[in-house]
Amino acid sequence: MVILKTEAEVEVMCEAGRRLAGILDALVREVRPGVAADFFDTLARQLILEAGSKPAFLGYNPGGAGNPFPAALCVSVNDTVVHGIPSRYVLREGDILKLDIGLIYKGWYSDMAVTVGVGKISPEARRLMRATEEALEAGIREAVLGKTIGDIGFAIEEHVRKNRFSIVESLSGHGIGRDLHEDPNVFNFGKRGGGQKLKEGMVLAIEPMVAMGSGKVRVLPDDSYVTADGSPAAHFERTIAVTVNGPRMLTQ
């Protein structure tokens, strides 16, 4: 069931998103060769607490079926698409780094992700990152009253395929609010006019995950997702609200 948010609730989520965006900006500034992946977890925990918030991912275990997530953010490198656990891995020139982070502010969740090149990256990696971010922007533009979840997915998929990359179809965006993951699922593919109608008060985390190769993934024992063919992947995510004035960016 989709839970629509009031204007007052959206305002609180906007403040949560503002704090989260500032934290992610600070993390991105620390990306360089020689930095260990788990440094970002240490810094994220500190910054989230300083922002009067709680880490949304730490201990997260929906349904209790898997392993509680042990960190405040996901740090996914190269062929790891999402849910990478921060480790002692030291970043190298040319790596593609995904930082995915969430927080809880006054009981409301916010979620955001970015892909960053470490030092000098290949032209094809840069093209992958640009196409993924542009696909996110295309999806967000469709988040208007009268359109559908399928319109968002169609716009994302169309842009990705135009650039000759692949959607990771087994992963999707989601609704967000009092819980990190709420209805509806926001797929990164779809048909024009298909799926649920968008309504005022919907808050969505839109997040294309795109691979340079086939888009097929496998799940490792630590619950991280990697591309089946070892190809690099990119991931961008923003939390937005559907309003009468169009999509409102909450994570900025």
C-alpha atoms as a PDB file:
ATOM      1  CA  MET A   1       0.000   0.000   0.000  1.00  0.00           C
ATOM      2  CA  VAL A   2       1.310   3.418  -0.979  1.00  0.00           C
ATOM      3  CA  ILE A   3       1.390   5.882   1.925  1.00  0.00           C
ATOM      4  CA  LEU A   4       0.844   9.455   0.749  1.00  0.00           C
ATOM      5  CA  LYS A   5       2.628  12.184   2.689  1.00  0.00           C
ATOM      6  CA  THR A   6       1.146  15.503   3.781  1.00  0.00           C
ATOM      7  CA  GLU A   7       2.794  18.810   2.915  1.00  0.00           C
ATOM      8  CA  ALA A   8       4.111  19.061   6.484  1.00  0.00           C
ATOM      9  CA  GLU A   9       5.589  15.568   6.294  1.00  0.00           C
ATOM     10  CA  VAL A  10       7.238  16.343   2.973  1.00  0.00           C
ATOM     11  CA  GLU A  11       8.834  19.410   4.584  1.00  0.00           C
ATOM     12  CA  VAL A  12      10.426  17.232   7.272  1.00  0.00           C
ATOM     13  CA  MET A  13      11.629  14.804   4.607  1.00  0.00           C
ATOM     14  CA  CYS A  14      13.080  17.752   2.700  1.00  0.00           C
ATOM     15  CA  GLU A  15      15.097  18.725   5.767  1.00  0.00           C
ATOM     16  CA  ALA A  16      16.239  15.112   6.130  1.00  0.00           C
ATOM     17  CA  GLY A  17      17.304  15.140   2.491  1.00  0.00           C
ATOM     18  CA  ARG A  18      19.122  18.442   2.838  1.00  0.00           C
ATOM     19  CA  ARG A  19      21.184  17.031   5.687  1.00  0.00           C
ATOM     20  CA  LEU A  20      21.858  13.831   3.777  1.00  0.00           C
ATOM     21  CA  ALA A  21      22.979  15.672   0.648  1.00  0.00           C
ATOM     22  CA  GLY A  22      25.451  17.701   2.684  1.00  0.00           C
ATOM     23  CA  ILE A  23      26.879  14.546   4.218  1.00  0.00           C
ATOM     24  CA  LEU A  24      27.252  12.848   0.847  1.00  0.00           C
ATOM     25  CA  ASP A  25      28.990  15.927  -0.564  1.00  0.00           C
ATOM     26  CA  ALA A  26      31.484  15.749   2.309  1.00  0.00           C
ATOM     27  CA  LEU A  27      32.129  12.062   1.631  1.00  0.00           C
ATOM     28  CA  VAL A  28      32.660  12.649  -2.089  1.00  0.00           C
ATOM     29  CA  ARG A  29      35.314  15.254  -1.311  1.00  0.00           C
ATOM     30  CA  GLU A  30      37.363  12.510   0.384  1.00  0.00           C
ATOM     31  CA  VAL A  31      37.419  10.204  -2.661  1.00  0.00           C
ATOM     32  CA  ARG A  32      40.965   9.729  -3.942  1.00  0.00           C
ATOM     33  CA  PRO A  33      43.458   6.914  -4.546  1.00  0.00           C
ATOM     34  CA  GLY A  34      44.883   5.505  -1.318  1.00  0.00           C
ATOM     35  CA  VAL A  35      41.764   5.925   0.837  1.00  0.00           C
ATOM     36  CA  ALA A  36      40.388   2.740   2.415  1.00  0.00           C
ATOM     37  CA  ALA A  37      36.722   1.949   1.787  1.00  0.00           C
ATOM     38  CA  ASP A  38      35.926   1.650   5.489  1.00  0.00           C
ATOM     39  CA  PHE A  39      37.093   5.239   6.058  1.00  0.00           C
ATOM     40  CA  PHE A  40      33.829   6.365   4.461  1.00  0.00           C
ATOM     41  CA  ASP A  41      31.820   4.369   6.995  1.00  0.00           C
ATOM     42  CA  THR A  42      33.666   5.939   9.917  1.00  0.00           C
ATOM     43  CA  LEU A  43      33.173   9.435   8.528  1.00  0.00           C
ATOM     44  CA  ALA A  44      29.523   8.812   7.587  1.00  0.00           C
ATOM     45  CA  ARG A  45      28.642   7.676  11.113  1.00  0.00           C
ATOM     46  CA  GLN A  46      30.243  10.800  12.563  1.00  0.00           C
ATOM     47  CA  LEU A  47      28.557  13.194  10.132  1.00  0.00           C
ATOM     48  CA  ILE A  48      25.118  11.603  10.501  1.00  0.00           C
ATOM     49  CA  LEU A  49      25.261  11.936  14.278  1.00  0.00           C
ATOM     50  CA  GLU A  50      26.484  15.533  13.984  1.00  0.00           C
ATOM     51  CA  ALA A  51      23.443  16.195  11.775  1.00  0.00           C
ATOM     52  CA  GLY A  52      21.109  15.129  14.579  1.00  0.00           C
ATOM     53  CA  SER A  53      20.143  11.995  12.687  1.00  0.00           C
ATOM     54  CA  LYS A  54      20.546   8.219  12.749  1.00  0.00           C
ATOM     55  CA  PRO A  55      22.108   5.967  10.102  1.00  0.00           C
ATOM     56  CA  ALA A  56      19.312   4.314   8.127  1.00  0.00           C
ATOM     57  CA  PHE A  57      21.365   1.367   6.888  1.00  0.00           C
ATOM     58  CA  LEU A  58      23.202   0.329  10.063  1.00  0.00           C
ATOM     59  CA  GLY A  59      21.635  -2.914  11.298  1.00  0.00           C
ATOM     60  CA  TYR A  60      19.056  -2.866   8.494  1.00  0.00           C
ATOM     61  CA  ASN A  61      17.610  -6.334   7.965  1.00  0.00           C
ATOM     62  CA  PRO A  62      14.170  -6.290   6.302  1.00  0.00           C
ATOM     63  CA  GLY A  63      12.178  -9.357   7.240  1.00  0.00           C
ATOM     64  CA  GLY A  64      15.018 -10.690   9.347  1.00  0.00           C
ATOM     65  CA  ALA A  65      15.975 -13.135   6.598  1.00  0.00           C
ATOM     66  CA  GLY A  66      19.498 -11.959   5.836  1.00  0.00           C
ATOM     67  CA  ASN A  67      22.449 -10.507   7.685  1.00  0.00           C
ATOM     68  CA  PRO A  68      21.939  -7.129   9.414  1.00  0.00           C
ATOM     69  CA  PHE A  69      23.858  -4.541   7.404  1.00  0.00           C
ATOM     70  CA  PRO A  70      27.003  -3.684   9.398  1.00  0.00           C
ATOM     71  CA  ALA A  71      27.690  -0.135   8.192  1.00  0.00           C
ATOM     72  CA  ALA A  72      26.198   3.338   7.808  1.00  0.00           C
ATOM     73  CA  LEU A  73      26.520   3.322   4.031  1.00  0.00           C
ATOM     74  CA  CYS A  74      27.161   1.009   1.101  1.00  0.00           C
ATOM     75  CA  VAL A  75      30.570   1.311  -0.560  1.00  0.00           C
ATOM     76  CA  SER A  76      30.539  -0.541  -3.881  1.00  0.00           C
ATOM     77  CA  VAL A  77      33.579  -0.603  -6.175  1.00  0.00           C
ATOM     78  CA  ASN A  78      33.751  -1.383  -9.899  1.00  0.00           C
ATOM     79  CA  ASP A  79      31.686  -4.535 -10.600  1.00  0.00           C
ATOM     80  CA  THR A  80      29.908  -4.366  -7.223  1.00  0.00           C
ATOM     81  CA  VAL A  81      26.596  -2.741  -8.114  1.00  0.00           C
ATOM     82  CA  VAL A  82      25.031  -2.144  -4.687  1.00  0.00           C
ATOM     83  CA  HIS A  83      25.141  -3.171  -1.024  1.00  0.00           C
ATOM     84  CA  GLY A  84      28.927  -3.308  -0.865  1.00  0.00           C
ATOM     85  CA  ILE A  85      30.171  -3.547   2.716  1.00  0.00           C
ATOM     86  CA  PRO A  86      32.942  -1.046   3.561  1.00  0.00           C
ATOM     87  CA  SER A  87      36.211  -2.971   3.893  1.00  0.00           C
ATOM     88  CA  ARG A  88      39.954  -2.379   4.103  1.00  0.00           C
ATOM     89  CA  TYR A  89      40.098  -2.249   0.308  1.00  0.00           C
ATOM     90  CA  VAL A  90      42.235   0.726  -0.729  1.00  0.00           C
ATOM     91  CA  LEU A  91      40.926   2.785  -3.630  1.00  0.00           C
ATOM     92  CA  ARG A  92      43.019   2.785  -6.789  1.00  0.00           C
ATOM     93  CA  GLU A  93      43.338   5.133  -9.724  1.00  0.00           C
ATOM     94  CA  GLY A  94      40.600   4.329 -12.233  1.00  0.00           C
ATOM     95  CA  ASP A  95      38.152   2.702  -9.800  1.00  0.00           C
ATOM     96  CA  ILE A  96      34.436   3.470 -10.069  1.00  0.00           C
ATOM     97  CA  LEU A  97      33.076   4.046  -6.563  1.00  0.00           C
ATOM     98  CA  LYS A  98      29.395   3.958  -5.576  1.00  0.00           C
ATOM     99  CA  LEU A  99      28.403   5.594  -2.281  1.00  0.00           C
ATOM    100  CA  ASP A 100      24.818   4.837  -1.187  1.00  0.00           C
ATOM    101  CA  ILE A 101      23.686   6.354   2.106  1.00  0.00           C
ATOM    102  CA  GLY A 102      20.527   6.945   4.104  1.00  0.00           C
ATOM    103  CA  LEU A 103      19.564   8.602   7.359  1.00  0.00           C
ATOM    104  CA  ILE A 104      16.612   8.949   9.712  1.00  0.00           C
ATOM    105  CA  TYR A 105      15.648  12.456  10.829  1.00  0.00           C
ATOM    106  CA  LYS A 106      12.720  12.929  13.216  1.00  0.00           C
ATOM    107  CA  GLY A 107      11.471   9.481  12.255  1.00  0.00           C
ATOM    108  CA  TRP A 108      11.629  10.071   8.486  1.00  0.00           C
ATOM    109  CA  TYR A 109      13.999   8.369   6.065  1.00  0.00           C
ATOM    110  CA  SER A 110      16.027   9.809   3.218  1.00  0.00           C
ATOM    111  CA  ASP A 111      18.107   7.868   0.691  1.00  0.00           C
ATOM    112  CA  MET A 112      20.678   8.949  -1.873  1.00  0.00           C
ATOM    113  CA  ALA A 113      23.531   7.529  -3.962  1.00  0.00           C
ATOM    114  CA  VAL A 114      26.250   8.771  -6.277  1.00  0.00           C
ATOM    115  CA  THR A 115      28.987   7.249  -8.417  1.00  0.00           C
ATOM    116  CA  VAL A 116      32.434   8.847  -8.361  1.00  0.00           C
ATOM    117  CA  GLY A 117      35.526   8.185 -10.428  1.00  0.00           C
ATOM    118  CA  VAL A 118      38.711   7.662  -8.418  1.00  0.00           C
ATOM    119  CA  GLY A 119      41.435   9.786  -9.949  1.00  0.00           C
ATOM    120  CA  LYS A 120      41.637   9.461 -13.721  1.00  0.00           C
ATOM    121  CA  ILE A 121      39.073   7.009 -15.106  1.00  0.00           C
ATOM    122  CA  SER A 122      38.597   5.583 -18.587  1.00  0.00           C
ATOM    123  CA  PRO A 123      36.469   7.439 -21.152  1.00  0.00           C
ATOM    124  CA  GLU A 124      34.023   4.511 -21.231  1.00  0.00           C
ATOM    125  CA  ALA A 125      33.651   4.570 -17.435  1.00  0.00           C
ATOM    126  CA  ARG A 126      33.017   8.306 -17.593  1.00  0.00           C
ATOM    127  CA  ARG A 127      30.399   7.721 -20.281  1.00  0.00           C
ATOM    128  CA  LEU A 128      28.718   5.040 -18.133  1.00  0.00           C
ATOM    129  CA  MET A 129      28.518   7.400 -15.173  1.00  0.00           C
ATOM    130  CA  ARG A 130      27.173  10.264 -17.262  1.00  0.00           C
ATOM    131  CA  ALA A 131      24.531   8.081 -18.926  1.00  0.00           C
ATOM    132  CA  THR A 132      23.360   6.724 -15.566  1.00  0.00           C
ATOM    133  CA  GLU A 133      23.039  10.166 -14.010  1.00  0.00           C
ATOM    134  CA  GLU A 134      21.226  11.463 -17.089  1.00  0.00           C
ATOM    135  CA  ALA A 135      18.877   8.458 -16.926  1.00  0.00           C
ATOM    136  CA  LEU A 136      18.048   9.387 -13.331  1.00  0.00           C
ATOM    137  CA  GLU A 137      17.278  12.948 -14.420  1.00  0.00           C
ATOM    138  CA  ALA A 138      15.063  11.631 -17.236  1.00  0.00           C
ATOM    139  CA  GLY A 139      13.159   9.464 -14.764  1.00  0.00           C
ATOM    140  CA  ILE A 140      12.690  12.321 -12.311  1.00  0.00           C
ATOM    141  CA  ARG A 141      11.234  14.528 -15.064  1.00  0.00           C
ATOM    142  CA  GLU A 142       8.457  11.944 -15.500  1.00  0.00           C
ATOM    143  CA  ALA A 143       7.424  12.102 -11.820  1.00  0.00           C
ATOM    144  CA  VAL A 144       4.436  14.359 -12.393  1.00  0.00           C
ATOM    145  CA  LEU A 145       0.730  14.040 -11.690  1.00  0.00           C
ATOM    146  CA  GLY A 146      -1.120  12.070 -14.355  1.00  0.00           C
ATOM    147  CA  LYS A 147       1.900   9.976 -15.279  1.00  0.00           C
ATOM    148  CA  THR A 148       2.771   6.513 -13.977  1.00  0.00           C
ATOM    149  CA  ILE A 149       5.538   4.438 -12.458  1.00  0.00           C
ATOM    150  CA  GLY A 150       5.906   2.891 -15.912  1.00  0.00           C
ATOM    151  CA  ASP A 151       6.609   6.313 -17.413  1.00  0.00           C
ATOM    152  CA  ILE A 152       9.525   6.758 -15.007  1.00  0.00           C
ATOM    153  CA  GLY A 153      10.947   3.340 -15.848  1.00  0.00           C
ATOM    154  CA  PHE A 154      10.462   3.828 -19.584  1.00  0.00           C
ATOM    155  CA  ALA A 155      12.373   7.117 -19.566  1.00  0.00           C
ATOM    156  CA  ILE A 156      15.256   5.610 -17.601  1.00  0.00           C
ATOM    157  CA  GLU A 157      15.476   2.502 -19.776  1.00  0.00           C
ATOM    158  CA  GLU A 158      15.221   4.467 -23.019  1.00  0.00           C
ATOM    159  CA  HIS A 159      18.173   6.686 -22.101  1.00  0.00           C
ATOM    160  CA  VAL A 160      20.320   3.778 -20.897  1.00  0.00           C
ATOM    161  CA  ARG A 161      19.704   1.702 -24.018  1.00  0.00           C
ATOM    162  CA  LYS A 162      20.301   4.708 -26.268  1.00  0.00           C
ATOM    163  CA  ASN A 163      23.783   4.857 -24.740  1.00  0.00           C
ATOM    164  CA  ARG A 164      24.270   1.093 -25.265  1.00  0.00           C
ATOM    165  CA  PHE A 165      24.434   0.148 -21.615  1.00  0.00           C
ATOM    166  CA  SER A 166      22.245  -2.279 -19.642  1.00  0.00           C
ATOM    167  CA  ILE A 167      19.713  -1.809 -16.854  1.00  0.00           C
ATOM    168  CA  VAL A 168      20.190  -4.089 -13.841  1.00  0.00           C
ATOM    169  CA  GLU A 169      16.566  -5.217 -13.954  1.00  0.00           C
ATOM    170  CA  SER A 170      16.587  -7.251 -10.735  1.00  0.00           C
ATOM    171  CA  LEU A 171      17.100  -4.090  -8.640  1.00  0.00           C
ATOM    172  CA  SER A 172      14.741  -1.135  -8.344  1.00  0.00           C
ATOM    173  CA  GLY A 173      13.900   2.107  -6.617  1.00  0.00           C
ATOM    174  CA  HIS A 174      11.158   2.364  -4.022  1.00  0.00           C
ATOM    175  CA  GLY A 175       8.786   4.449  -2.008  1.00  0.00           C
ATOM    176  CA  ILE A 176      10.199   5.929   1.188  1.00  0.00           C
ATOM    177  CA  GLY A 177       8.866   7.625   4.314  1.00  0.00           C
ATOM    178  CA  ARG A 178       8.567   6.276   7.850  1.00  0.00           C
ATOM    179  CA  ASP A 179      10.279   3.161   6.472  1.00  0.00           C
ATOM    180  CA  LEU A 180      13.315   2.947   4.229  1.00  0.00           C
ATOM    181  CA  HIS A 181      11.539   0.766   1.682  1.00  0.00           C
ATOM    182  CA  GLU A 182       7.846   1.367   1.059  1.00  0.00           C
ATOM    183  CA  ASP A 183       5.496   0.755  -1.851  1.00  0.00           C
ATOM    184  CA  PRO A 184       5.631   1.231  -4.755  1.00  0.00           C
ATOM    185  CA  ASN A 185       8.604  -0.421  -6.423  1.00  0.00           C
ATOM    186  CA  VAL A 186      10.085   2.023  -8.931  1.00  0.00           C
ATOM    187  CA  PHE A 187      11.495  -0.140 -11.696  1.00  0.00           C
ATOM    188  CA  ASN A 188      14.136   1.193 -14.070  1.00  0.00           C
ATOM    189  CA  PHE A 189      12.241  -0.167 -17.059  1.00  0.00           C
ATOM    190  CA  GLY A 190       8.593  -0.073 -18.036  1.00  0.00           C
ATOM    191  CA  LYS A 191       5.914   0.858 -20.529  1.00  0.00           C
ATOM    192  CA  ARG A 192       4.493   4.286 -21.175  1.00  0.00           C
ATOM    193  CA  GLY A 193       1.330   4.636 -19.118  1.00  0.00           C
ATOM    194  CA  GLY A 194       1.908   1.340 -17.337  1.00  0.00           C
ATOM    195  CA  GLY A 195       1.829   0.648 -13.629  1.00  0.00           C
ATOM    196  CA  GLN A 196       0.545   2.774 -10.805  1.00  0.00           C
ATOM    197  CA  LYS A 197      -0.673   6.328 -11.341  1.00  0.00           C
ATOM    198  CA  LEU A 198       1.417   8.984  -9.631  1.00  0.00           C
ATOM    199  CA  LYS A 199      -0.396  10.924  -6.927  1.00  0.00           C
ATOM    200  CA  GLU A 200       0.345  14.041  -4.917  1.00  0.00           C
ATOM    201  CA  GLY A 201       2.173  13.078  -1.728  1.00  0.00           C
ATOM    202  CA  MET A 202       4.045  10.110  -3.159  1.00  0.00           C
ATOM    203  CA  VAL A 203       7.697  10.168  -2.113  1.00  0.00           C
ATOM    204  CA  LEU A 204      10.001   8.035  -4.236  1.00  0.00           C
ATOM    205  CA  ALA A 205      13.650   7.017  -4.219  1.00  0.00           C
ATOM    206  CA  ILE A 206      14.487   6.767  -7.913  1.00  0.00           C
ATOM    207  CA  GLU A 207      17.753   4.939  -8.553  1.00  0.00           C
ATOM    208  CA  PRO A 208      18.953   3.568 -11.882  1.00  0.00           C
ATOM    209  CA  MET A 209      21.623   0.890 -11.582  1.00  0.00           C
ATOM    210  CA  VAL A 210      23.399   0.433 -14.894  1.00  0.00           C
ATOM    211  CA  ALA A 211      26.076  -1.984 -16.106  1.00  0.00           C
ATOM    212  CA  MET A 212      28.593  -1.689 -18.903  1.00  0.00           C
ATOM    213  CA  GLY A 213      27.951  -5.361 -19.710  1.00  0.00           C
ATOM    214  CA  SER A 214      24.850  -7.549 -19.689  1.00  0.00           C
ATOM    215  CA  GLY A 215      23.123  -6.220 -16.557  1.00  0.00           C
ATOM    216  CA  LYS A 216      22.868  -9.699 -15.058  1.00  0.00           C
ATOM    217  CA  VAL A 217      23.954  -9.905 -11.409  1.00  0.00           C
ATOM    218  CA  ARG A 218      24.761 -12.460  -8.747  1.00  0.00           C
ATOM    219  CA  VAL A 219      24.505 -12.126  -4.986  1.00  0.00           C
ATOM    220  CA  LEU A 220      27.593 -12.823  -2.877  1.00  0.00           C
ATOM    221  CA  PRO A 221      27.468 -14.448   0.585  1.00  0.00           C
ATOM    222  CA  ASP A 222      27.718 -10.976   2.190  1.00  0.00           C
ATOM    223  CA  ASP A 223      24.511  -9.946   0.308  1.00  0.00           C
ATOM    224  CA  SER A 224      26.307  -7.559  -2.045  1.00  0.00           C
ATOM    225  CA  TYR A 225      25.339  -7.579  -5.725  1.00  0.00           C
ATOM    226  CA  VAL A 226      28.016  -7.889  -8.411  1.00  0.00           C
ATOM    227  CA  THR A 227      27.715  -8.010 -12.186  1.00  0.00           C
ATOM    228  CA  ALA A 228      27.758 -11.597 -13.434  1.00  0.00           C
ATOM    229  CA  ASP A 229      30.239 -10.765 -16.199  1.00  0.00           C
ATOM    230  CA  GLY A 230      32.524  -8.614 -14.031  1.00  0.00           C
ATOM    231  CA  SER A 231      31.722  -5.421 -15.930  1.00  0.00           C
ATOM    232  CA  PRO A 232      31.707  -2.049 -14.134  1.00  0.00           C
ATOM    233  CA  ALA A 233      28.420  -0.587 -12.920  1.00  0.00           C
ATOM    234  CA  ALA A 234      27.132   2.846 -11.922  1.00  0.00           C
ATOM    235  CA  HIS A 235      24.357   3.920  -9.535  1.00  0.00           C
ATOM    236  CA  PHE A 236      22.717   7.282  -8.864  1.00  0.00           C
ATOM    237  CA  GLU A 237      19.770   7.892  -6.536  1.00  0.00           C
ATOM    238  CA  ARG A 238      17.658  10.803  -5.359  1.00  0.00           C
ATOM    239  CA  THR A 239      14.581  11.072  -3.129  1.00  0.00           C
ATOM    240  CA  ILE A 240      11.786  13.125  -4.708  1.00  0.00           C
ATOM    241  CA  ALA A 241       8.210  14.081  -3.878  1.00  0.00           C
ATOM    242  CA  VAL A 242       5.368  14.162  -6.403  1.00  0.00           C
ATOM    243  CA  THR A 243       3.640  17.557  -6.087  1.00  0.00           C
ATOM    244  CA  VAL A 244       1.122  19.668  -8.003  1.00  0.00           C
ATOM    245  CA  ASN A 245       4.092  21.720  -9.211  1.00  0.00           C
ATOM    246  CA  GLY A 246       6.022  18.722 -10.522  1.00  0.00           C
ATOM    247  CA  PRO A 247       8.775  16.613  -8.970  1.00  0.00           C
ATOM    248  CA  ARG A 248      10.350  18.166  -5.886  1.00  0.00           C
ATOM    249  CA  MET A 249      13.927  17.151  -5.163  1.00  0.00           C
ATOM    250  CA  LEU A 250      14.274  16.367  -1.458  1.00  0.00           C
ATOM    251  CA  THR A 251      17.957  15.382  -1.451  1.00  0.00           C
ATOM    252  CA  GLN A 252      19.808  18.580  -2.302  1.00  0.00           C
END
